[in-house]
Full PDB file with SEQRES, HELIX, SHEET, SSBOND, CRYST1, ORIGX, SCALE, CONECT and MASTER records, all heavy atoms in Angstrom:
SEQRES   1 A   44  TYR TYR GLU LYS LEU VAL VAL ASN PRO GLY THR ASN LYS          
SEQRES   2 A   44  LEU SER GLN ALA ALA LEU GLU THR LEU ALA ILE ILE ALA          
SEQRES   3 A   44  TYR ASN GLN PRO ILE THR ILE SER GLU ILE ASN GLU ILE          
SEQRES   4 A   44  ARG GLY VAL GLN THR                                          
HELIX    1 AA1 TYR A    2  VAL A    7  1                                   6    
HELIX    2 AA2 PRO A    9  THR A   11  5                                   3    
HELIX    3 AA3 GLN A   16  ASN A   28  1                                  13    
HELIX    4 AA4 ILE A   33  ARG A   40  1                                   8    
CRYST1    1.000    1.000    1.000  90.00  90.00  90.00 P 1           1          
ORIGX1      1.000000  0.000000  0.000000        0.00000                         
ORIGX2      0.000000  1.000000  0.000000        0.00000                         
ORIGX3      0.000000  0.000000  1.000000        0.00000                         
SCALE1      1.000000  0.000000  0.000000        0.00000                         
SCALE2      0.000000  1.000000  0.000000        0.00000                         
SCALE3      0.000000  0.000000  1.000000        0.00000                         
ATOM      1  N   TYR A   1      -4.498  -8.182 -21.299  1.00  0.00           N  
ATOM      2  CA  TYR A   1      -5.515  -7.520 -20.478  1.00  0.00           C  
ATOM      3  C   TYR A   1      -5.055  -7.402 -19.029  1.00  0.00           C  
ATOM      4  O   TYR A   1      -5.327  -6.403 -18.368  1.00  0.00           O  
ATOM      5  CB  TYR A   1      -6.842  -8.274 -20.564  1.00  0.00           C  
ATOM      6  CG  TYR A   1      -7.369  -8.320 -21.976  1.00  0.00           C  
ATOM      7  CD1 TYR A   1      -7.205  -9.452 -22.767  1.00  0.00           C  
ATOM      8  CD2 TYR A   1      -7.991  -7.201 -22.537  1.00  0.00           C  
ATOM      9  CE1 TYR A   1      -7.663  -9.493 -24.075  1.00  0.00           C  
ATOM     10  CE2 TYR A   1      -8.453  -7.229 -23.847  1.00  0.00           C  
ATOM     11  CZ  TYR A   1      -8.282  -8.374 -24.604  1.00  0.00           C  
ATOM     12  OH  TYR A   1      -8.732  -8.398 -25.900  1.00  0.00           O  
ATOM     13  N   TYR A   2      -4.355  -8.418 -18.544  1.00  0.00           N  
ATOM     14  CA  TYR A   2      -3.845  -8.370 -17.173  1.00  0.00           C  
ATOM     15  C   TYR A   2      -2.777  -7.288 -17.057  1.00  0.00           C  
ATOM     16  O   TYR A   2      -2.710  -6.583 -16.042  1.00  0.00           O  
ATOM     17  CB  TYR A   2      -3.282  -9.729 -16.756  1.00  0.00           C  
ATOM     18  CG  TYR A   2      -4.257 -10.869 -16.955  1.00  0.00           C  
ATOM     19  CD1 TYR A   2      -3.868 -12.059 -17.538  1.00  0.00           C  
ATOM     20  CD2 TYR A   2      -5.589 -10.744 -16.585  1.00  0.00           C  
ATOM     21  CE1 TYR A   2      -4.757 -13.093 -17.740  1.00  0.00           C  
ATOM     22  CE2 TYR A   2      -6.496 -11.774 -16.785  1.00  0.00           C  
ATOM     23  CZ  TYR A   2      -6.072 -12.945 -17.357  1.00  0.00           C  
ATOM     24  OH  TYR A   2      -6.955 -13.967 -17.562  1.00  0.00           O  
ATOM     25  N   GLU A   3      -1.976  -7.143 -18.101  1.00  0.00           N  
ATOM     26  CA  GLU A   3      -0.956  -6.090 -18.098  1.00  0.00           C  
ATOM     27  C   GLU A   3      -1.601  -4.713 -18.078  1.00  0.00           C  
ATOM     28  O   GLU A   3      -1.139  -3.811 -17.384  1.00  0.00           O  
ATOM     29  CB  GLU A   3      -0.032  -6.236 -19.308  1.00  0.00           C  
ATOM     30  CG  GLU A   3       0.876  -7.444 -19.217  1.00  0.00           C  
ATOM     31  CD  GLU A   3       1.647  -7.731 -20.484  1.00  0.00           C  
ATOM     32  OE1 GLU A   3       1.305  -7.161 -21.554  1.00  0.00           O  
ATOM     33  OE2 GLU A   3       2.587  -8.547 -20.417  1.00  0.00           O  
ATOM     34  N   LYS A   4      -2.686  -4.548 -18.836  1.00  0.00           N  
ATOM     35  CA  LYS A   4      -3.399  -3.264 -18.835  1.00  0.00           C  
ATOM     36  C   LYS A   4      -3.967  -2.962 -17.454  1.00  0.00           C  
ATOM     37  O   LYS A   4      -3.968  -1.821 -17.014  1.00  0.00           O  
ATOM     38  CB  LYS A   4      -4.543  -3.280 -19.861  1.00  0.00           C  
ATOM     39  CG  LYS A   4      -4.092  -3.212 -21.296  1.00  0.00           C  
ATOM     40  CD  LYS A   4      -5.300  -3.259 -22.227  1.00  0.00           C  
ATOM     41  CE  LYS A   4      -4.901  -3.311 -23.674  1.00  0.00           C  
ATOM     42  NZ  LYS A   4      -6.069  -3.429 -24.557  1.00  0.00           N  
ATOM     43  N   LEU A   5      -4.452  -3.993 -16.790  1.00  0.00           N  
ATOM     44  CA  LEU A   5      -4.992  -3.814 -15.448  1.00  0.00           C  
ATOM     45  C   LEU A   5      -3.943  -3.278 -14.497  1.00  0.00           C  
ATOM     46  O   LEU A   5      -4.191  -2.373 -13.712  1.00  0.00           O  
ATOM     47  CB  LEU A   5      -5.542  -5.149 -14.922  1.00  0.00           C  
ATOM     48  CG  LEU A   5      -6.052  -5.144 -13.484  1.00  0.00           C  
ATOM     49  CD1 LEU A   5      -7.313  -4.292 -13.373  1.00  0.00           C  
ATOM     50  CD2 LEU A   5      -6.315  -6.557 -13.024  1.00  0.00           C  
ATOM     51  N   VAL A   6      -2.739  -3.806 -14.607  1.00  0.00           N  
ATOM     52  CA  VAL A   6      -1.656  -3.413 -13.716  1.00  0.00           C  
ATOM     53  C   VAL A   6      -1.215  -1.976 -13.965  1.00  0.00           C  
ATOM     54  O   VAL A   6      -0.930  -1.238 -13.026  1.00  0.00           O  
ATOM     55  CB  VAL A   6      -0.460  -4.384 -13.854  1.00  0.00           C  
ATOM     56  CG1 VAL A   6       0.743  -3.878 -13.089  1.00  0.00           C  
ATOM     57  CG2 VAL A   6      -0.860  -5.767 -13.364  1.00  0.00           C  
ATOM     58  N   VAL A   7      -1.178  -1.547 -15.232  1.00  0.00           N  
ATOM     59  CA  VAL A   7      -0.689  -0.199 -15.529  1.00  0.00           C  
ATOM     60  C   VAL A   7      -1.792   0.843 -15.629  1.00  0.00           C  
ATOM     61  O   VAL A   7      -1.503   2.024 -15.754  1.00  0.00           O  
ATOM     62  CB  VAL A   7       0.150  -0.169 -16.827  1.00  0.00           C  
ATOM     63  CG1 VAL A   7       1.369  -1.038 -16.692  1.00  0.00           C  
ATOM     64  CG2 VAL A   7      -0.669  -0.582 -18.026  1.00  0.00           C  
ATOM     65  N   ASN A   8      -3.044   0.451 -15.540  1.00  0.00           N  
ATOM     66  CA  ASN A   8      -4.172   1.371 -15.630  1.00  0.00           C  
ATOM     67  C   ASN A   8      -4.179   2.300 -14.409  1.00  0.00           C  
ATOM     68  O   ASN A   8      -4.228   1.822 -13.280  1.00  0.00           O  
ATOM     69  CB  ASN A   8      -5.480   0.576 -15.709  1.00  0.00           C  
ATOM     70  CG  ASN A   8      -6.697   1.457 -15.814  1.00  0.00           C  
ATOM     71  OD1 ASN A   8      -6.634   2.662 -15.660  1.00  0.00           O  
ATOM     72  ND2 ASN A   8      -7.819   0.829 -16.060  1.00  0.00           N  
ATOM     73  N   PRO A   9      -4.158   3.620 -14.611  1.00  0.00           N  
ATOM     74  CA  PRO A   9      -4.151   4.556 -13.476  1.00  0.00           C  
ATOM     75  C   PRO A   9      -5.346   4.367 -12.552  1.00  0.00           C  
ATOM     76  O   PRO A   9      -5.237   4.567 -11.351  1.00  0.00           O  
ATOM     77  CB  PRO A   9      -4.193   5.944 -14.128  1.00  0.00           C  
ATOM     78  CG  PRO A   9      -3.743   5.729 -15.532  1.00  0.00           C  
ATOM     79  CD  PRO A   9      -4.099   4.321 -15.890  1.00  0.00           C  
ATOM     80  N   GLY A  10      -6.464   3.956 -13.070  1.00  0.00           N  
ATOM     81  CA  GLY A  10      -7.643   3.749 -12.238  1.00  0.00           C  
ATOM     82  C   GLY A  10      -7.496   2.600 -11.269  1.00  0.00           C  
ATOM     83  O   GLY A  10      -8.160   2.550 -10.241  1.00  0.00           O  
ATOM     84  N   THR A  11      -6.596   1.661 -11.580  1.00  0.00           N  
ATOM     85  CA  THR A  11      -6.383   0.522 -10.688  1.00  0.00           C  
ATOM     86  C   THR A  11      -5.104   0.673  -9.878  1.00  0.00           C  
ATOM     87  O   THR A  11      -4.735  -0.229  -9.155  1.00  0.00           O  
ATOM     88  CB  THR A  11      -6.309  -0.795 -11.496  1.00  0.00           C  
ATOM     89  OG1 THR A  11      -5.206  -0.721 -12.394  1.00  0.00           O  
ATOM     90  CG2 THR A  11      -7.586  -1.065 -12.251  1.00  0.00           C  
ATOM     91  N   ASN A  12      -4.438   1.815  -9.993  1.00  0.00           N  
ATOM     92  CA  ASN A  12      -3.177   2.010  -9.288  1.00  0.00           C  
ATOM     93  C   ASN A  12      -3.329   2.592  -7.891  1.00  0.00           C  
ATOM     94  O   ASN A  12      -2.347   2.930  -7.263  1.00  0.00           O  
ATOM     95  CB  ASN A  12      -2.225   2.884 -10.112  1.00  0.00           C  
ATOM     96  CG  ASN A  12      -1.483   2.065 -11.140  1.00  0.00           C  
ATOM     97  OD1 ASN A  12      -1.381   0.857 -11.011  1.00  0.00           O  
ATOM     98  ND2 ASN A  12      -0.981   2.716 -12.159  1.00  0.00           N  
ATOM     99  N   LYS A  13      -4.538   2.715  -7.425  1.00  0.00           N  
ATOM    100  CA  LYS A  13      -4.742   3.182  -6.056  1.00  0.00           C  
ATOM    101  C   LYS A  13      -4.395   2.044  -5.111  1.00  0.00           C  
ATOM    102  O   LYS A  13      -4.734   0.892  -5.360  1.00  0.00           O  
ATOM    103  CB  LYS A  13      -6.184   3.634  -5.865  1.00  0.00           C  
ATOM    104  CG  LYS A  13      -6.521   4.833  -6.718  1.00  0.00           C  
ATOM    105  CD  LYS A  13      -7.948   5.260  -6.505  1.00  0.00           C  
ATOM    106  CE  LYS A  13      -8.238   6.434  -7.413  1.00  0.00           C  
ATOM    107  NZ  LYS A  13      -9.465   6.302  -8.135  1.00  0.00           N  
ATOM    108  N   LEU A  14      -3.732   2.356  -4.032  1.00  0.00           N  
ATOM    109  CA  LEU A  14      -3.336   1.338  -3.081  1.00  0.00           C  
ATOM    110  C   LEU A  14      -4.356   1.246  -1.951  1.00  0.00           C  
ATOM    111  O   LEU A  14      -4.730   2.254  -1.355  1.00  0.00           O  
ATOM    112  CB  LEU A  14      -1.953   1.645  -2.514  1.00  0.00           C  
ATOM    113  CG  LEU A  14      -0.810   1.598  -3.517  1.00  0.00           C  
ATOM    114  CD1 LEU A  14       0.488   2.036  -2.869  1.00  0.00           C  
ATOM    115  CD2 LEU A  14      -0.667   0.201  -4.091  1.00  0.00           C  
ATOM    116  N   SER A  15      -4.777   0.035  -1.661  1.00  0.00           N  
ATOM    117  CA  SER A  15      -5.718  -0.206  -0.568  1.00  0.00           C  
ATOM    118  C   SER A  15      -5.002  -0.057   0.770  1.00  0.00           C  
ATOM    119  O   SER A  15      -3.757  -0.014   0.836  1.00  0.00           O  
ATOM    120  CB  SER A  15      -6.298  -1.617  -0.678  1.00  0.00           C  
ATOM    121  OG  SER A  15      -5.265  -2.569  -0.463  1.00  0.00           O  
ATOM    122  N   GLN A  16      -5.771  -0.012   1.842  1.00  0.00           N  
ATOM    123  CA  GLN A  16      -5.197   0.055   3.184  1.00  0.00           C  
ATOM    124  C   GLN A  16      -4.321  -1.174   3.428  1.00  0.00           C  
ATOM    125  O   GLN A  16      -3.228  -1.067   3.973  1.00  0.00           O  
ATOM    126  CB  GLN A  16      -6.309   0.145   4.240  1.00  0.00           C  
ATOM    127  CG  GLN A  16      -5.802   0.328   5.655  1.00  0.00           C  
ATOM    128  CD  GLN A  16      -5.101   1.648   5.876  1.00  0.00           C  
ATOM    129  OE1 GLN A  16      -5.456   2.658   5.283  1.00  0.00           O  
ATOM    130  NE2 GLN A  16      -4.090   1.654   6.734  1.00  0.00           N  
ATOM    131  N   ALA A  17      -4.795  -2.340   2.994  1.00  0.00           N  
ATOM    132  CA  ALA A  17      -4.017  -3.570   3.169  1.00  0.00           C  
ATOM    133  C   ALA A  17      -2.690  -3.489   2.414  1.00  0.00           C  
ATOM    134  O   ALA A  17      -1.651  -3.922   2.925  1.00  0.00           O  
ATOM    135  CB  ALA A  17      -4.834  -4.771   2.692  1.00  0.00           C  
ATOM    136  N   ALA A  18      -2.710  -2.927   1.205  1.00  0.00           N  
ATOM    137  CA  ALA A  18      -1.482  -2.782   0.422  1.00  0.00           C  
ATOM    138  C   ALA A  18      -0.516  -1.828   1.114  1.00  0.00           C  
ATOM    139  O   ALA A  18       0.691  -2.090   1.175  1.00  0.00           O  
ATOM    140  CB  ALA A  18      -1.804  -2.292  -0.982  1.00  0.00           C  
ATOM    141  N   LEU A  19      -1.032  -0.735   1.638  1.00  0.00           N  
ATOM    142  CA  LEU A  19      -0.180   0.230   2.335  1.00  0.00           C  
ATOM    143  C   LEU A  19       0.444  -0.387   3.589  1.00  0.00           C  
ATOM    144  O   LEU A  19       1.630  -0.189   3.869  1.00  0.00           O  
ATOM    145  CB  LEU A  19      -0.979   1.481   2.694  1.00  0.00           C  
ATOM    146  CG  LEU A  19      -1.396   2.361   1.513  1.00  0.00           C  
ATOM    147  CD1 LEU A  19      -2.379   3.437   1.966  1.00  0.00           C  
ATOM    148  CD2 LEU A  19      -0.174   2.987   0.850  1.00  0.00           C  
ATOM    149  N   GLU A  20      -0.361  -1.155   4.341  1.00  0.00           N  
ATOM    150  CA  GLU A  20       0.166  -1.820   5.541  1.00  0.00           C  
ATOM    151  C   GLU A  20       1.271  -2.802   5.160  1.00  0.00           C  
ATOM    152  O   GLU A  20       2.314  -2.848   5.805  1.00  0.00           O  
ATOM    153  CB  GLU A  20      -0.954  -2.569   6.261  1.00  0.00           C  
ATOM    154  CG  GLU A  20      -1.958  -1.672   6.940  1.00  0.00           C  
ATOM    155  CD  GLU A  20      -3.163  -2.434   7.469  1.00  0.00           C  
ATOM    156  OE1 GLU A  20      -3.148  -3.692   7.462  1.00  0.00           O  
ATOM    157  OE2 GLU A  20      -4.125  -1.782   7.897  1.00  0.00           O  
ATOM    158  N   THR A  21       1.024  -3.569   4.122  1.00  0.00           N  
ATOM    159  CA  THR A  21       2.001  -4.557   3.679  1.00  0.00           C  
ATOM    160  C   THR A  21       3.279  -3.882   3.199  1.00  0.00           C  
ATOM    161  O   THR A  21       4.386  -4.316   3.544  1.00  0.00           O  
ATOM    162  CB  THR A  21       1.390  -5.440   2.568  1.00  0.00           C  
ATOM    163  OG1 THR A  21       0.200  -6.055   3.076  1.00  0.00           O  
ATOM    164  CG2 THR A  21       2.361  -6.498   2.107  1.00  0.00           C  
ATOM    165  N   LEU A  22       3.152  -2.818   2.431  1.00  0.00           N  
ATOM    166  CA  LEU A  22       4.330  -2.075   1.973  1.00  0.00           C  
ATOM    167  C   LEU A  22       5.122  -1.508   3.151  1.00  0.00           C  
ATOM    168  O   LEU A  22       6.357  -1.533   3.142  1.00  0.00           O  
ATOM    169  CB  LEU A  22       3.915  -0.949   1.027  1.00  0.00           C  
ATOM    170  CG  LEU A  22       3.571  -1.363  -0.394  1.00  0.00           C  
ATOM    171  CD1 LEU A  22       2.959  -0.191  -1.153  1.00  0.00           C  
ATOM    172  CD2 LEU A  22       4.802  -1.890  -1.131  1.00  0.00           C  
ATOM    173  N   ALA A  23       4.416  -1.007   4.151  1.00  0.00           N  
ATOM    174  CA  ALA A  23       5.096  -0.461   5.330  1.00  0.00           C  
ATOM    175  C   ALA A  23       5.882  -1.557   6.056  1.00  0.00           C  
ATOM    176  O   ALA A  23       7.041  -1.351   6.446  1.00  0.00           O  
ATOM    177  CB  ALA A  23       4.089   0.180   6.276  1.00  0.00           C  
ATOM    178  N   ILE A  24       5.274  -2.717   6.214  1.00  0.00           N  
ATOM    179  CA  ILE A  24       5.951  -3.832   6.876  1.00  0.00           C  
ATOM    180  C   ILE A  24       7.223  -4.196   6.113  1.00  0.00           C  
ATOM    181  O   ILE A  24       8.290  -4.372   6.694  1.00  0.00           O  
ATOM    182  CB  ILE A  24       5.008  -5.051   6.991  1.00  0.00           C  
ATOM    183  CG1 ILE A  24       3.906  -4.752   8.020  1.00  0.00           C  
ATOM    184  CG2 ILE A  24       5.781  -6.317   7.371  1.00  0.00           C  
ATOM    185  CD1 ILE A  24       2.756  -5.736   7.995  1.00  0.00           C  
ATOM    186  N   ILE A  25       7.106  -4.277   4.801  1.00  0.00           N  
ATOM    187  CA  ILE A  25       8.264  -4.650   3.987  1.00  0.00           C  
ATOM    188  C   ILE A  25       9.321  -3.552   4.013  1.00  0.00           C  
ATOM    189  O   ILE A  25      10.510  -3.815   4.184  1.00  0.00           O  
ATOM    190  CB  ILE A  25       7.836  -4.976   2.545  1.00  0.00           C  
ATOM    191  CG1 ILE A  25       6.935  -6.214   2.550  1.00  0.00           C  
ATOM    192  CG2 ILE A  25       9.056  -5.182   1.641  1.00  0.00           C  
ATOM    193  CD1 ILE A  25       6.184  -6.456   1.267  1.00  0.00           C  
ATOM    194  N   ALA A  26       8.902  -2.304   3.864  1.00  0.00           N  
ATOM    195  CA  ALA A  26       9.845  -1.188   3.831  1.00  0.00           C  
ATOM    196  C   ALA A  26      10.678  -1.118   5.107  1.00  0.00           C  
ATOM    197  O   ALA A  26      11.886  -0.856   5.050  1.00  0.00           O  
ATOM    198  CB  ALA A  26       9.102   0.123   3.605  1.00  0.00           C  
ATOM    199  N   TYR A  27      10.059  -1.360   6.251  1.00  0.00           N  
ATOM    200  CA  TYR A  27      10.768  -1.248   7.522  1.00  0.00           C  
ATOM    201  C   TYR A  27      11.497  -2.529   7.926  1.00  0.00           C  
ATOM    202  O   TYR A  27      12.298  -2.502   8.859  1.00  0.00           O  
ATOM    203  CB  TYR A  27       9.810  -0.829   8.639  1.00  0.00           C  
ATOM    204  CG  TYR A  27       9.458   0.634   8.588  1.00  0.00           C  
ATOM    205  CD1 TYR A  27       8.267   1.065   8.027  1.00  0.00           C  
ATOM    206  CD2 TYR A  27      10.331   1.595   9.100  1.00  0.00           C  
ATOM    207  CE1 TYR A  27       7.937   2.415   7.979  1.00  0.00           C  
ATOM    208  CE2 TYR A  27      10.014   2.948   9.057  1.00  0.00           C  
ATOM    209  CZ  TYR A  27       8.813   3.351   8.491  1.00  0.00           C  
ATOM    210  OH  TYR A  27       8.509   4.685   8.448  1.00  0.00           O  
ATOM    211  N   ASN A  28      11.229  -3.642   7.267  1.00  0.00           N  
ATOM    212  CA  ASN A  28      11.815  -4.914   7.672  1.00  0.00           C  
ATOM    213  C   ASN A  28      12.539  -5.642   6.543  1.00  0.00           C  
ATOM    214  O   ASN A  28      12.841  -6.821   6.669  1.00  0.00           O  
ATOM    215  CB  ASN A  28      10.720  -5.843   8.217  1.00  0.00           C  
ATOM    216  CG  ASN A  28      10.080  -5.287   9.457  1.00  0.00           C  
ATOM    217  OD1 ASN A  28      10.660  -5.309  10.518  1.00  0.00           O  
ATOM    218  ND2 ASN A  28       8.875  -4.774   9.308  1.00  0.00           N  
ATOM    219  N   GLN A  29      12.773  -4.991   5.423  1.00  0.00           N  
ATOM    220  CA  GLN A  29      13.334  -5.671   4.262  1.00  0.00           C  
ATOM    221  C   GLN A  29      14.777  -6.075   4.465  1.00  0.00           C  
ATOM    222  O   GLN A  29      15.482  -5.384   5.195  1.00  0.00           O  
ATOM    223  CB  GLN A  29      13.164  -4.807   3.022  1.00  0.00           C  
ATOM    224  CG  GLN A  29      13.826  -3.456   3.052  1.00  0.00           C  
ATOM    225  CD  GLN A  29      13.399  -2.628   1.857  1.00  0.00           C  
ATOM    226  OE1 GLN A  29      13.363  -3.102   0.739  1.00  0.00           O  
ATOM    227  NE2 GLN A  29      13.086  -1.370   2.095  1.00  0.00           N  
ATOM    228  N   PRO A  30      15.191  -7.168   3.849  1.00  0.00           N  
ATOM    229  CA  PRO A  30      14.381  -8.116   3.082  1.00  0.00           C  
ATOM    230  C   PRO A  30      13.577  -9.003   4.035  1.00  0.00           C  
ATOM    231  O   PRO A  30      14.016  -9.288   5.154  1.00  0.00           O  
ATOM    232  CB  PRO A  30      15.412  -8.914   2.302  1.00  0.00           C  
ATOM    233  CG  PRO A  30      16.646  -8.862   3.142  1.00  0.00           C  
ATOM    234  CD  PRO A  30      16.608  -7.539   3.848  1.00  0.00           C  
ATOM    235  N   ILE A  31      12.413  -9.458   3.568  1.00  0.00           N  
ATOM    236  CA  ILE A  31      11.494 -10.190   4.420  1.00  0.00           C  
ATOM    237  C   ILE A  31      10.735 -11.225   3.586  1.00  0.00           C  
ATOM    238  O   ILE A  31      10.518 -11.009   2.394  1.00  0.00           O  
ATOM    239  CB  ILE A  31      10.519  -9.203   5.124  1.00  0.00           C  
ATOM    240  CG1 ILE A  31       9.656  -9.894   6.164  1.00  0.00           C  
ATOM    241  CG2 ILE A  31       9.704  -8.426   4.116  1.00  0.00           C  
ATOM    242  CD1 ILE A  31       8.870  -8.912   7.059  1.00  0.00           C  
ATOM    243  N   THR A  32      10.366 -12.335   4.225  1.00  0.00           N  
ATOM    244  CA  THR A  32       9.625 -13.388   3.529  1.00  0.00           C  
ATOM    245  C   THR A  32       8.121 -13.160   3.664  1.00  0.00           C  
ATOM    246  O   THR A  32       7.676 -12.436   4.551  1.00  0.00           O  
ATOM    247  CB  THR A  32       9.945 -14.779   4.102  1.00  0.00           C  
ATOM    248  OG1 THR A  32       9.457 -14.846   5.448  1.00  0.00           O  
ATOM    249  CG2 THR A  32      11.430 -15.077   4.058  1.00  0.00           C  
ATOM    250  N   ILE A  33       7.363 -13.801   2.805  1.00  0.00           N  
ATOM    251  CA  ILE A  33       5.904 -13.687   2.874  1.00  0.00           C  
ATOM    252  C   ILE A  33       5.387 -14.219   4.201  1.00  0.00           C  
ATOM    253  O   ILE A  33       4.490 -13.617   4.804  1.00  0.00           O  
ATOM    254  CB  ILE A  33       5.229 -14.407   1.686  1.00  0.00           C  
ATOM    255  CG1 ILE A  33       5.466 -13.622   0.399  1.00  0.00           C  
ATOM    256  CG2 ILE A  33       3.737 -14.593   1.924  1.00  0.00           C  
ATOM    257  CD1 ILE A  33       4.846 -14.240  -0.839  1.00  0.00           C  
ATOM    258  N   SER A  34       5.953 -15.322   4.690  1.00  0.00           N  
ATOM    259  CA  SER A  34       5.458 -15.869   5.961  1.00  0.00           C  
ATOM    260  C   SER A  34       5.715 -14.897   7.118  1.00  0.00           C  
ATOM    261  O   SER A  34       4.887 -14.788   8.032  1.00  0.00           O  
ATOM    262  CB  SER A  34       6.060 -17.239   6.248  1.00  0.00           C  
ATOM    263  OG  SER A  34       7.459 -17.171   6.332  1.00  0.00           O  
ATOM    264  N   GLU A  35       6.823 -14.169   7.075  1.00  0.00           N  
ATOM    265  CA  GLU A  35       7.088 -13.172   8.120  1.00  0.00           C  
ATOM    266  C   GLU A  35       6.096 -12.010   8.014  1.00  0.00           C  
ATOM    267  O   GLU A  35       5.614 -11.498   9.031  1.00  0.00           O  
ATOM    268  CB  GLU A  35       8.528 -12.663   8.005  1.00  0.00           C  
ATOM    269  CG  GLU A  35       9.559 -13.716   8.349  1.00  0.00           C  
ATOM    270  CD  GLU A  35      10.981 -13.304   7.983  1.00  0.00           C  
ATOM    271  OE1 GLU A  35      11.183 -12.628   6.946  1.00  0.00           O  
ATOM    272  OE2 GLU A  35      11.905 -13.671   8.731  1.00  0.00           O  
ATOM    273  N   ILE A  36       5.776 -11.615   6.790  1.00  0.00           N  
ATOM    274  CA  ILE A  36       4.785 -10.548   6.583  1.00  0.00           C  
ATOM    275  C   ILE A  36       3.427 -11.010   7.092  1.00  0.00           C  
ATOM    276  O   ILE A  36       2.734 -10.275   7.812  1.00  0.00           O  
ATOM    277  CB  ILE A  36       4.690 -10.164   5.087  1.00  0.00           C  
ATOM    278  CG1 ILE A  36       6.027  -9.630   4.584  1.00  0.00           C  
ATOM    279  CG2 ILE A  36       3.579  -9.138   4.865  1.00  0.00           C  
ATOM    280  CD1 ILE A  36       6.153  -9.597   3.072  1.00  0.00           C  
ATOM    281  N   ASN A  37       3.043 -12.244   6.742  1.00  0.00           N  
ATOM    282  CA  ASN A  37       1.763 -12.801   7.190  1.00  0.00           C  
ATOM    283  C   ASN A  37       1.683 -12.842   8.707  1.00  0.00           C  
ATOM    284  O   ASN A  37       0.628 -12.562   9.294  1.00  0.00           O  
ATOM    285  CB  ASN A  37       1.566 -14.214   6.638  1.00  0.00           C  
ATOM    286  CG  ASN A  37       1.384 -14.244   5.143  1.00  0.00           C  
ATOM    287  OD1 ASN A  37       1.135 -13.224   4.514  1.00  0.00           O  
ATOM    288  ND2 ASN A  37       1.519 -15.421   4.566  1.00  0.00           N  
ATOM    289  N   GLU A  38       2.797 -13.188   9.342  1.00  0.00           N  
ATOM    290  CA  GLU A  38       2.821 -13.260  10.798  1.00  0.00           C  
ATOM    291  C   GLU A  38       2.603 -11.875  11.418  1.00  0.00           C  
ATOM    292  O   GLU A  38       1.857 -11.729  12.382  1.00  0.00           O  
ATOM    293  CB  GLU A  38       4.155 -13.844  11.265  1.00  0.00           C  
ATOM    294  CG  GLU A  38       4.203 -14.138  12.746  1.00  0.00           C  
ATOM    295  CD  GLU A  38       5.494 -14.825  13.139  1.00  0.00           C  
ATOM    296  OE1 GLU A  38       6.011 -15.655  12.362  1.00  0.00           O  
ATOM    297  OE2 GLU A  38       5.999 -14.515  14.237  1.00  0.00           O  
ATOM    298  N   ILE A  39       3.224 -10.873  10.855  1.00  0.00           N  
ATOM    299  CA  ILE A  39       3.077  -9.510  11.379  1.00  0.00           C  
ATOM    300  C   ILE A  39       1.658  -8.987  11.148  1.00  0.00           C  
ATOM    301  O   ILE A  39       1.032  -8.437  12.047  1.00  0.00           O  
ATOM    302  CB  ILE A  39       4.106  -8.553  10.740  1.00  0.00           C  
ATOM    303  CG1 ILE A  39       5.518  -8.950  11.182  1.00  0.00           C  
ATOM    304  CG2 ILE A  39       3.811  -7.099  11.106  1.00  0.00           C  
ATOM    305  CD1 ILE A  39       6.643  -8.258  10.421  1.00  0.00           C  
ATOM    306  N   ARG A  40       1.131  -9.179   9.919  1.00  0.00           N  
ATOM    307  CA  ARG A  40      -0.206  -8.670   9.581  1.00  0.00           C  
ATOM    308  C   ARG A  40      -1.320  -9.523  10.163  1.00  0.00           C  
ATOM    309  O   ARG A  40      -2.418  -9.048  10.366  1.00  0.00           O  
ATOM    310  CB  ARG A  40      -0.394  -8.594   8.057  1.00  0.00           C  
ATOM    311  CG  ARG A  40       0.295  -7.413   7.454  1.00  0.00           C  
ATOM    312  CD  ARG A  40      -0.329  -6.915   6.186  1.00  0.00           C  
ATOM    313  NE  ARG A  40      -1.647  -6.347   6.399  1.00  0.00           N  
ATOM    314  CZ  ARG A  40      -2.716  -6.670   5.696  1.00  0.00           C  
ATOM    315  NH1 ARG A  40      -2.657  -7.565   4.749  1.00  0.00           N  
ATOM    316  NH2 ARG A  40      -3.867  -6.102   5.944  1.00  0.00           N  
ATOM    317  N   GLY A  41      -1.048 -10.815  10.348  1.00  0.00           N  
ATOM    318  CA  GLY A  41      -2.077 -11.703  10.872  1.00  0.00           C  
ATOM    319  C   GLY A  41      -3.036 -12.214   9.813  1.00  0.00           C  
ATOM    320  O   GLY A  41      -4.056 -12.815  10.145  1.00  0.00           O  
ATOM    321  N   VAL A  42      -2.737 -11.956   8.541  1.00  0.00           N  
ATOM    322  CA  VAL A  42      -3.569 -12.435   7.434  1.00  0.00           C  
ATOM    323  C   VAL A  42      -2.656 -12.846   6.281  1.00  0.00           C  
ATOM    324  O   VAL A  42      -1.503 -12.441   6.214  1.00  0.00           O  
ATOM    325  CB  VAL A  42      -4.575 -11.369   6.925  1.00  0.00           C  
ATOM    326  CG1 VAL A  42      -5.589 -11.018   7.987  1.00  0.00           C  
ATOM    327  CG2 VAL A  42      -3.862 -10.123   6.447  1.00  0.00           C  
ATOM    328  N   GLN A  43      -3.194 -13.648   5.366  1.00  0.00           N  
ATOM    329  CA  GLN A  43      -2.445 -14.066   4.193  1.00  0.00           C  
ATOM    330  C   GLN A  43      -2.252 -12.880   3.242  1.00  0.00           C  
ATOM    331  O   GLN A  43      -3.186 -12.131   2.999  1.00  0.00           O  
ATOM    332  CB  GLN A  43      -3.194 -15.174   3.447  1.00  0.00           C  
ATOM    333  CG  GLN A  43      -3.221 -16.481   4.212  1.00  0.00           C  
ATOM    334  CD  GLN A  43      -1.846 -17.110   4.305  1.00  0.00           C  
ATOM    335  OE1 GLN A  43      -1.099 -17.144   3.335  1.00  0.00           O  
ATOM    336  NE2 GLN A  43      -1.502 -17.610   5.478  1.00  0.00           N  
ATOM    337  N   THR A  44      -1.053 -12.724   2.731  1.00  0.00           N  
ATOM    338  CA  THR A  44      -0.760 -11.596   1.843  1.00  0.00           C  
ATOM    339  C   THR A  44      -0.215 -12.048   0.488  1.00  0.00           C  
ATOM    340  O   THR A  44       0.244 -11.210  -0.287  1.00  0.00           O  
ATOM    341  CB  THR A  44       0.271 -10.653   2.504  1.00  0.00           C  
ATOM    342  OG1 THR A  44       1.445 -11.403   2.812  1.00  0.00           O  
ATOM    343  CG2 THR A  44      -0.269 -10.009   3.757  1.00  0.00           C  
TER     344      THR A  44                                                      
MASTER        0    0    0    4    0    0    0    6  343    1    0    4          
END                                                                             
């Protein structure tokens, strides 16, 4: 069921938080979670 959730087109929309996180990673890769958290200011 968790696998279906991940591949379900209805759940494949990216939230604003997901887009921000992807942008941080894309421009700073490779990067650690703690570095991402520091940039975003929230736990990711």
